[in-house]
PDB file of N, CA and C in Angstrom:
ATOM      1  N   MET A   1     -54.798  41.059  -2.665  1.00  0.00           N
ATOM      2  CA  MET A   1     -54.170  41.271  -1.452  1.00  0.00           C
ATOM      3  C   MET A   1     -52.716  42.182  -1.769  1.00  0.00           C
ATOM      4  N   LEU A   2     -52.378  42.943  -0.603  1.00  0.00           N
ATOM      5  CA  LEU A   2     -50.880  43.403  -1.236  1.00  0.00           C
ATOM      6  C   LEU A   2     -49.766  42.911  -1.766  1.00  0.00           C
ATOM      7  N   MET A   3     -49.716  41.680  -1.310  1.00  0.00           N
ATOM      8  CA  MET A   3     -48.588  40.520  -1.417  1.00  0.00           C
ATOM      9  C   MET A   3     -48.675  39.518  -2.782  1.00  0.00           C
ATOM     10  N   ASP A   4     -49.477  40.206  -3.642  1.00  0.00           N
ATOM     11  CA  ASP A   4     -49.876  39.402  -4.730  1.00  0.00           C
ATOM     12  C   ASP A   4     -49.913  40.833  -5.755  1.00  0.00           C
ATOM     13  N   VAL A   5     -49.232  41.616  -5.542  1.00  0.00           N
ATOM     14  CA  VAL A   5     -49.031  42.934  -6.387  1.00  0.00           C
ATOM     15  C   VAL A   5     -48.032  43.247  -7.091  1.00  0.00           C
ATOM     16  N   LYS A   6     -47.732  43.273  -8.346  1.00  0.00           N
ATOM     17  CA  LYS A   6     -46.153  43.373  -8.524  1.00  0.00           C
ATOM     18  C   LYS A   6     -45.981  44.912  -8.395  1.00  0.00           C
ATOM     19  N   LEU A   7     -44.942  45.829  -8.742  1.00  0.00           N
ATOM     20  CA  LEU A   7     -44.205  46.658  -8.339  1.00  0.00           C
ATOM     21  C   LEU A   7     -45.420  47.613  -9.483  1.00  0.00           C
ATOM     22  N   GLY A   8     -44.893  47.527 -10.060  1.00  0.00           N
ATOM     23  CA  GLY A   8     -45.964  47.528 -12.142  1.00  0.00           C
ATOM     24  C   GLY A   8     -47.158  48.372 -10.978  1.00  0.00           C
ATOM     25  N   GLN A   9     -47.202  47.286 -11.080  1.00  0.00           N
ATOM     26  CA  GLN A   9     -49.021  47.139 -11.117  1.00  0.00           C
ATOM     27  C   GLN A   9     -49.365  47.976  -9.356  1.00  0.00           C
ATOM     28  N   LEU A  10     -48.702  48.830  -8.461  1.00  0.00           N
ATOM     29  CA  LEU A  10     -49.339  49.175  -7.272  1.00  0.00           C
ATOM     30  C   LEU A  10     -50.264  50.781  -7.567  1.00  0.00           C
ATOM     31  N   GLY A  11     -49.749  51.396  -8.590  1.00  0.00           N
ATOM     32  CA  GLY A  11     -50.915  52.369  -8.320  1.00  0.00           C
ATOM     33  C   GLY A  11     -52.259  51.821  -8.850  1.00  0.00           C
ATOM     34  N   SER A  12     -52.170  51.291  -9.590  1.00  0.00           N
ATOM     35  CA  SER A  12     -53.864  50.802 -10.338  1.00  0.00           C
ATOM     36  C   SER A  12     -54.596  50.297  -8.944  1.00  0.00           C
ATOM     37  N   TRP A  13     -53.279  49.432  -8.343  1.00  0.00           N
ATOM     38  CA  TRP A  13     -54.272  48.477  -7.029  1.00  0.00           C
ATOM     39  C   TRP A  13     -54.422  49.683  -6.107  1.00  0.00           C
ATOM     40  N   LEU A  14     -53.873  50.571  -6.016  1.00  0.00           N
ATOM     41  CA  LEU A  14     -54.486  51.787  -4.639  1.00  0.00           C
ATOM     42  C   LEU A  14     -55.836  52.496  -5.369  1.00  0.00           C
ATOM     43  N   ALA A  15     -55.407  52.532  -6.825  1.00  0.00           N
ATOM     44  CA  ALA A  15     -56.434  53.256  -6.977  1.00  0.00           C
ATOM     45  C   ALA A  15     -58.325  52.667  -7.365  1.00  0.00           C
ATOM     46  N   MET A  16     -57.719  51.454  -7.150  1.00  0.00           N
ATOM     47  CA  MET A  16     -59.225  50.212  -6.839  1.00  0.00           C
ATOM     48  C   MET A  16     -59.495  50.738  -5.309  1.00  0.00           C
ATOM     49  N   ARG A  17     -58.280  50.684  -4.571  1.00  0.00           N
ATOM     50  CA  ARG A  17     -58.975  50.221  -3.095  1.00  0.00           C
ATOM     51  C   ARG A  17     -60.230  51.843  -2.369  1.00  0.00           C
ATOM     52  N   ASP A  18     -60.786  51.239  -1.763  1.00  0.00           N
ATOM     53  CA  ASP A  18     -62.194  52.137  -0.960  1.00  0.00           C
ATOM     54  C   ASP A  18     -61.479  52.692   0.772  1.00  0.00           C
ATOM     55  N   PHE A  19     -60.907  54.200  -0.469  1.00  0.00           N
ATOM     56  CA  PHE A  19     -61.042  55.422   0.954  1.00  0.00           C
ATOM     57  C   PHE A  19     -61.631  55.099   1.894  1.00  0.00           C
ATOM     58  N   THR A  20     -63.155  55.320   1.891  1.00  0.00           N
ATOM     59  CA  THR A  20     -64.260  55.992   2.457  1.00  0.00           C
ATOM     60  C   THR A  20     -63.833  55.049   4.037  1.00  0.00           C
ATOM     61  N   PRO A  21     -64.415  56.037   4.397  1.00  0.00           N
ATOM     62  CA  PRO A  21     -64.595  55.436   6.769  1.00  0.00           C
ATOM     63  C   PRO A  21     -64.902  54.208   6.367  1.00  0.00           C
ATOM     64  N   GLY A  22     -66.307  53.935   5.877  1.00  0.00           N
ATOM     65  CA  GLY A  22     -66.299  52.386   5.416  1.00  0.00           C
ATOM     66  C   GLY A  22     -65.524  51.779   5.440  1.00  0.00           C
ATOM     67  N   GLY A  23     -64.699  51.856   4.216  1.00  0.00           N
ATOM     68  CA  GLY A  23     -64.214  51.065   3.180  1.00  0.00           C
ATOM     69  C   GLY A  23     -62.761  50.877   4.426  1.00  0.00           C
ATOM     70  N   ILE A  24     -62.654  51.734   4.764  1.00  0.00           N
ATOM     71  CA  ILE A  24     -61.195  51.507   5.836  1.00  0.00           C
ATOM     72  C   ILE A  24     -61.679  50.579   6.844  1.00  0.00           C
ATOM     73  N   MET A  25     -62.812  50.918   7.704  1.00  0.00           N
ATOM     74  CA  MET A  25     -63.081  50.403   8.662  1.00  0.00           C
ATOM     75  C   MET A  25     -63.992  48.879   8.464  1.00  0.00           C
ATOM     76  N   GLY A  26     -63.830  48.433   7.018  1.00  0.00           N
ATOM     77  CA  GLY A  26     -64.145  46.853   6.517  1.00  0.00           C
ATOM     78  C   GLY A  26     -62.309  46.252   6.426  1.00  0.00           C
ATOM     79  N   ALA A  27     -61.855  47.063   6.154  1.00  0.00           N
ATOM     80  CA  ALA A  27     -60.156  46.680   5.582  1.00  0.00           C
ATOM     81  C   ALA A  27     -59.784  45.549   7.397  1.00  0.00           C
ATOM     82  N   VAL A  28     -60.044  46.921   8.368  1.00  0.00           N
ATOM     83  CA  VAL A  28     -59.274  46.732   9.716  1.00  0.00           C
ATOM     84  C   VAL A  28     -59.977  45.415  10.555  1.00  0.00           C
ATOM     85  N   GLN A  29     -61.877  46.004   9.983  1.00  0.00           N
ATOM     86  CA  GLN A  29     -62.257  44.490  10.225  1.00  0.00           C
ATOM     87  C   GLN A  29     -61.587  43.178   9.512  1.00  0.00           C
ATOM     88  N   ARG A  30     -61.000  43.328   8.381  1.00  0.00           N
ATOM     89  CA  ARG A  30     -61.101  42.147   8.078  1.00  0.00           C
ATOM     90  C   ARG A  30     -59.451  41.544   8.382  1.00  0.00           C
ATOM     91  N   GLY A  31     -58.499  42.479   8.378  1.00  0.00           N
ATOM     92  CA  GLY A  31     -57.327  42.591   9.119  1.00  0.00           C
ATOM     93  C   GLY A  31     -57.698  41.735  10.826  1.00  0.00           C
ATOM     94  N   TYR A  32     -58.190  42.363  11.140  1.00  0.00           N
ATOM     95  CA  TYR A  32     -58.767  41.625  12.549  1.00  0.00           C
ATOM     96  C   TYR A  32     -58.755  40.003  13.065  1.00  0.00           C
ATOM     97  N   ASN A  33     -60.188  40.099  11.676  1.00  0.00           N
ATOM     98  CA  ASN A  33     -60.843  38.416  11.997  1.00  0.00           C
ATOM     99  C   ASN A  33     -59.678  37.947  10.999  1.00  0.00           C
ATOM    100  N   ARG A  34     -58.824  37.827  10.257  1.00  0.00           N
ATOM    101  CA  ARG A  34     -58.224  36.992   9.803  1.00  0.00           C
ATOM    102  C   ARG A  34     -56.631  36.869  10.962  1.00  0.00           C
ATOM    103  N   TYR A  35     -56.094  38.320  11.700  1.00  0.00           N
ATOM    104  CA  TYR A  35     -55.696  37.470  12.486  1.00  0.00           C
ATOM    105  C   TYR A  35     -55.813  36.441  13.988  1.00  0.00           C
ATOM    106  N   TYR A  36     -57.236  37.169  14.145  1.00  0.00           N
ATOM    107  CA  TYR A  36     -58.002  36.297  15.051  1.00  0.00           C
ATOM    108  C   TYR A  36     -58.110  34.427  14.722  1.00  0.00           C
ATOM    109  N   ASN A  37     -58.245  34.697  13.786  1.00  0.00           N
ATOM    110  CA  ASN A  37     -58.624  32.971  13.101  1.00  0.00           C
ATOM    111  C   ASN A  37     -57.567  32.360  12.994  1.00  0.00           C
ATOM    112  N   LYS A  38     -56.076  33.263  12.441  1.00  0.00           N
ATOM    113  CA  LYS A  38     -55.080  32.356  12.458  1.00  0.00           C
ATOM    114  C   LYS A  38     -54.380  32.301  13.818  1.00  0.00           C
ATOM    115  N   TYR A  39     -54.599  33.111  14.865  1.00  0.00           N
ATOM    116  CA  TYR A  39     -53.519  32.975  15.695  1.00  0.00           C
ATOM    117  C   TYR A  39     -54.114  32.830  16.986  1.00  0.00           C
ATOM    118  N   ILE A  40     -55.158  33.174  16.816  1.00  0.00           N
ATOM    119  CA  ILE A  40     -56.496  32.920  18.252  1.00  0.00           C
ATOM    120  C   ILE A  40     -56.882  31.895  18.664  1.00  0.00           C
ATOM    121  N   ASN A  41     -57.648  31.918  17.222  1.00  0.00           N
ATOM    122  CA  ASN A  41     -58.997  30.638  17.484  1.00  0.00           C
ATOM    123  C   ASN A  41     -58.667  29.911  16.598  1.00  0.00           C
ATOM    124  N   VAL A  42     -57.931  28.731  17.567  1.00  0.00           N
ATOM    125  CA  VAL A  42     -57.468  27.437  16.802  1.00  0.00           C
ATOM    126  C   VAL A  42     -57.483  26.610  18.008  1.00  0.00           C
ATOM    127  N   ARG A  43     -57.657  25.493  17.197  1.00  0.00           N
ATOM    128  CA  ARG A  43     -57.569  24.348  18.481  1.00  0.00           C
ATOM    129  C   ARG A  43     -56.106  23.609  19.455  1.00  0.00           C
ATOM    130  N   LYS A  44     -54.937  24.266  18.529  1.00  0.00           N
ATOM    131  CA  LYS A  44     -54.224  24.032  19.878  1.00  0.00           C
ATOM    132  C   LYS A  44     -53.393  25.028  20.083  1.00  0.00           C
ATOM    133  N   GLY A  45     -53.481  25.915  20.412  1.00  0.00           N
ATOM    134  CA  GLY A  45     -53.378  27.432  20.740  1.00  0.00           C
ATOM    135  C   GLY A  45     -51.807  27.321  21.391  1.00  0.00           C
ATOM    136  N   GLY A  46     -51.053  27.912  21.121  1.00  0.00           N
ATOM    137  CA  GLY A  46     -49.909  28.392  21.958  1.00  0.00           C
ATOM    138  C   GLY A  46     -49.939  30.512  22.571  1.00  0.00           C
ATOM    139  N   ILE A  47     -48.934  29.992  22.666  1.00  0.00           N
ATOM    140  CA  ILE A  47     -48.477  31.609  23.388  1.00  0.00           C
ATOM    141  C   ILE A  47     -48.038  32.620  22.145  1.00  0.00           C
ATOM    142  N   GLY A  48     -48.075  32.128  21.019  1.00  0.00           N
ATOM    143  CA  GLY A  48     -47.091  32.775  19.421  1.00  0.00           C
ATOM    144  C   GLY A  48     -48.421  34.157  19.449  1.00  0.00           C
ATOM    145  N   GLY A  49     -49.959  34.066  19.408  1.00  0.00           N
ATOM    146  CA  GLY A  49     -50.398  35.259  18.805  1.00  0.00           C
ATOM    147  C   GLY A  49     -50.371  36.240  19.545  1.00  0.00           C
ATOM    148  N   ILE A  50     -50.925  35.494  21.121  1.00  0.00           N
ATOM    149  CA  ILE A  50     -50.696  36.606  22.180  1.00  0.00           C
ATOM    150  C   ILE A  50     -49.187  37.690  22.147  1.00  0.00           C
ATOM    151  N   SER A  51     -48.649  36.794  22.271  1.00  0.00           N
ATOM    152  CA  SER A  51     -47.040  37.315  22.013  1.00  0.00           C
ATOM    153  C   SER A  51     -47.122  38.222  21.241  1.00  0.00           C
ATOM    154  N   MET A  52     -47.142  37.901  20.078  1.00  0.00           N
ATOM    155  CA  MET A  52     -47.185  38.954  18.671  1.00  0.00           C
ATOM    156  C   MET A  52     -47.502  40.038  19.164  1.00  0.00           C
ATOM    157  N   LEU A  53     -48.892  39.895  19.437  1.00  0.00           N
ATOM    158  CA  LEU A  53     -49.631  40.953  19.593  1.00  0.00           C
ATOM    159  C   LEU A  53     -48.905  41.827  21.169  1.00  0.00           C
ATOM    160  N   LEU A  54     -48.417  41.193  21.918  1.00  0.00           N
ATOM    161  CA  LEU A  54     -47.861  42.033  22.957  1.00  0.00           C
ATOM    162  C   LEU A  54     -46.430  42.899  22.357  1.00  0.00           C
ATOM    163  N   ALA A  55     -45.710  42.200  21.689  1.00  0.00           N
ATOM    164  CA  ALA A  55     -44.630  42.527  20.955  1.00  0.00           C
ATOM    165  C   ALA A  55     -45.008  43.843  20.369  1.00  0.00           C
ATOM    166  N   GLY A  56     -46.444  43.502  19.248  1.00  0.00           N
ATOM    167  CA  GLY A  56     -46.250  44.943  18.251  1.00  0.00           C
ATOM    168  C   GLY A  56     -47.011  46.243  19.417  1.00  0.00           C
ATOM    169  N   TYR A  57     -47.562  46.039  20.740  1.00  0.00           N
ATOM    170  CA  TYR A  57     -47.909  46.902  21.606  1.00  0.00           C
ATOM    171  C   TYR A  57     -46.515  47.356  22.127  1.00  0.00           C
ATOM    172  N   VAL A  58     -45.413  46.795  22.482  1.00  0.00           N
ATOM    173  CA  VAL A  58     -44.407  47.330  23.117  1.00  0.00           C
ATOM    174  C   VAL A  58     -43.270  48.843  22.109  1.00  0.00           C
ATOM    175  N   VAL A  59     -43.554  47.237  20.516  1.00  0.00           N
ATOM    176  CA  VAL A  59     -42.793  48.422  19.825  1.00  0.00           C
ATOM    177  C   VAL A  59     -43.883  49.887  19.112  1.00  0.00           C
ATOM    178  N   LEU A  60     -44.948  49.712  19.299  1.00  0.00           N
ATOM    179  CA  LEU A  60     -45.686  50.667  19.128  1.00  0.00           C
ATOM    180  C   LEU A  60     -45.687  52.269  19.906  1.00  0.00           C
ATOM    181  N   SER A  61     -45.290  51.546  21.262  1.00  0.00           N
ATOM    182  CA  SER A  61     -45.736  52.525  22.447  1.00  0.00           C
ATOM    183  C   SER A  61     -44.154  53.075  22.411  1.00  0.00           C
ATOM    184  N   TYR A  62     -43.323  52.601  22.343  1.00  0.00           N
ATOM    185  CA  TYR A  62     -41.847  52.813  22.045  1.00  0.00           C
ATOM    186  C   TYR A  62     -41.850  53.771  20.934  1.00  0.00           C
ATOM    187  N   VAL A  63     -42.368  53.856  19.562  1.00  0.00           N
ATOM    188  CA  VAL A  63     -42.197  54.469  18.635  1.00  0.00           C
ATOM    189  C   VAL A  63     -43.219  55.525  19.529  1.00  0.00           C
ATOM    190  N   TRP A  64     -44.312  55.970  19.971  1.00  0.00           N
ATOM    191  CA  TRP A  64     -45.155  56.861  20.645  1.00  0.00           C
ATOM    192  C   TRP A  64     -44.036  57.582  21.567  1.00  0.00           C
ATOM    193  N   SER A  65     -43.085  57.132  22.107  1.00  0.00           N
ATOM    194  CA  SER A  65     -42.515  57.523  23.231  1.00  0.00           C
ATOM    195  C   SER A  65     -41.262  58.058  23.280  1.00  0.00           C
ATOM    196  N   TYR A  66     -40.849  57.815  21.779  1.00  0.00           N
ATOM    197  CA  TYR A  66     -39.267  58.270  21.165  1.00  0.00           C
ATOM    198  C   TYR A  66     -38.653  59.260  21.313  1.00  0.00           C
ATOM    199  N   SER A  67     -39.609  60.512  21.264  1.00  0.00           N
ATOM    200  CA  SER A  67     -38.962  61.786  20.938  1.00  0.00           C
ATOM    201  C   SER A  67     -37.972  62.289  22.682  1.00  0.00           C
ATOM    202  N   HIS A  68     -38.945  61.796  23.689  1.00  0.00           N
ATOM    203  CA  HIS A  68     -38.855  61.718  25.071  1.00  0.00           C
ATOM    204  C   HIS A  68     -37.198  60.497  25.477  1.00  0.00           C
ATOM    205  N   VAL A  69     -37.371  59.558  24.378  1.00  0.00           N
ATOM    206  CA  VAL A  69     -36.376  58.852  25.290  1.00  0.00           C
ATOM    207  C   VAL A  69     -35.009  59.010  24.428  1.00  0.00           C
ATOM    208  N   LYS A  70     -35.289  59.941  22.847  1.00  0.00           N
ATOM    209  CA  LYS A  70     -34.234  60.750  22.814  1.00  0.00           C
ATOM    210  C   LYS A  70     -33.329  61.675  23.260  1.00  0.00           C
ATOM    211  N   HIS A  71     -34.440  62.288  24.159  1.00  0.00           N
ATOM    212  CA  HIS A  71     -33.808  63.196  24.648  1.00  0.00           C
ATOM    213  C   HIS A  71     -32.650  62.790  25.695  1.00  0.00           C
ATOM    214  N   ASP A  72     -33.074  61.784  26.526  1.00  0.00           N
ATOM    215  CA  ASP A  72     -33.041  61.351  27.731  1.00  0.00           C
ATOM    216  C   ASP A  72     -31.948  60.342  27.921  1.00  0.00           C
ATOM    217  N   ARG A  73     -31.492  59.500  26.558  1.00  0.00           N
ATOM    218  CA  ARG A  73     -30.491  59.045  26.722  1.00  0.00           C
ATOM    219  C   ARG A  73     -28.964  59.350  26.542  1.00  0.00           C
ATOM    220  N   ARG A  74     -28.919  61.078  26.177  1.00  0.00           N
ATOM    221  CA  ARG A  74     -27.681  61.159  26.471  1.00  0.00           C
ATOM    222  C   ARG A  74     -27.186  62.539  28.399  1.00  0.00           C
ATOM    223  N   ARG A  75     -28.145  62.387  28.392  1.00  0.00           N
ATOM    224  CA  ARG A  75     -28.130  62.888  30.171  1.00  0.00           C
ATOM    225  C   ARG A  75     -26.968  61.696  30.819  1.00  0.00           C
ATOM    226  N   LYS A  76     -26.393  62.894  32.048  1.00  0.00           N
ATOM    227  CA  LYS A  76     -25.405  61.940  32.177  1.00  0.00           C
ATOM    228  C   LYS A  76     -26.207  62.325  34.178  1.00  0.00           C
ATOM    229  N   TYR A  77     -26.221  60.787  34.932  1.00  0.00           N
ATOM    230  CA  TYR A  77     -26.707  60.918  36.089  1.00  0.00           C
ATOM    231  C   TYR A  77     -25.790  60.850  37.180  1.00  0.00           C
ATOM    232  N   HIS A  78     -25.029  61.619  36.627  1.00  0.00           N
ATOM    233  CA  HIS A  78     -24.185  61.553  38.459  1.00  0.00           C
ATOM    234  C   HIS A  78     -24.043  62.989  39.056  1.00  0.00           C
TER     235      HIS A  78
END
């Protein structure tokens, strides 16, 4: 896991990762399963997992439309 890697070992850790399409898809699948089992598939679930997903979507959509928003914020509407 990336959190367990020290800064000096980062290069060798990255060299051991599988960057083939199958390896990337496996990493995405493991991340999704970890998120789902931690926040969605719980006995006493709350709104935390869904709200985190929604907040991520809002941030991602803002990043995608930032170039358009950047030009509109200095316009005067009068």
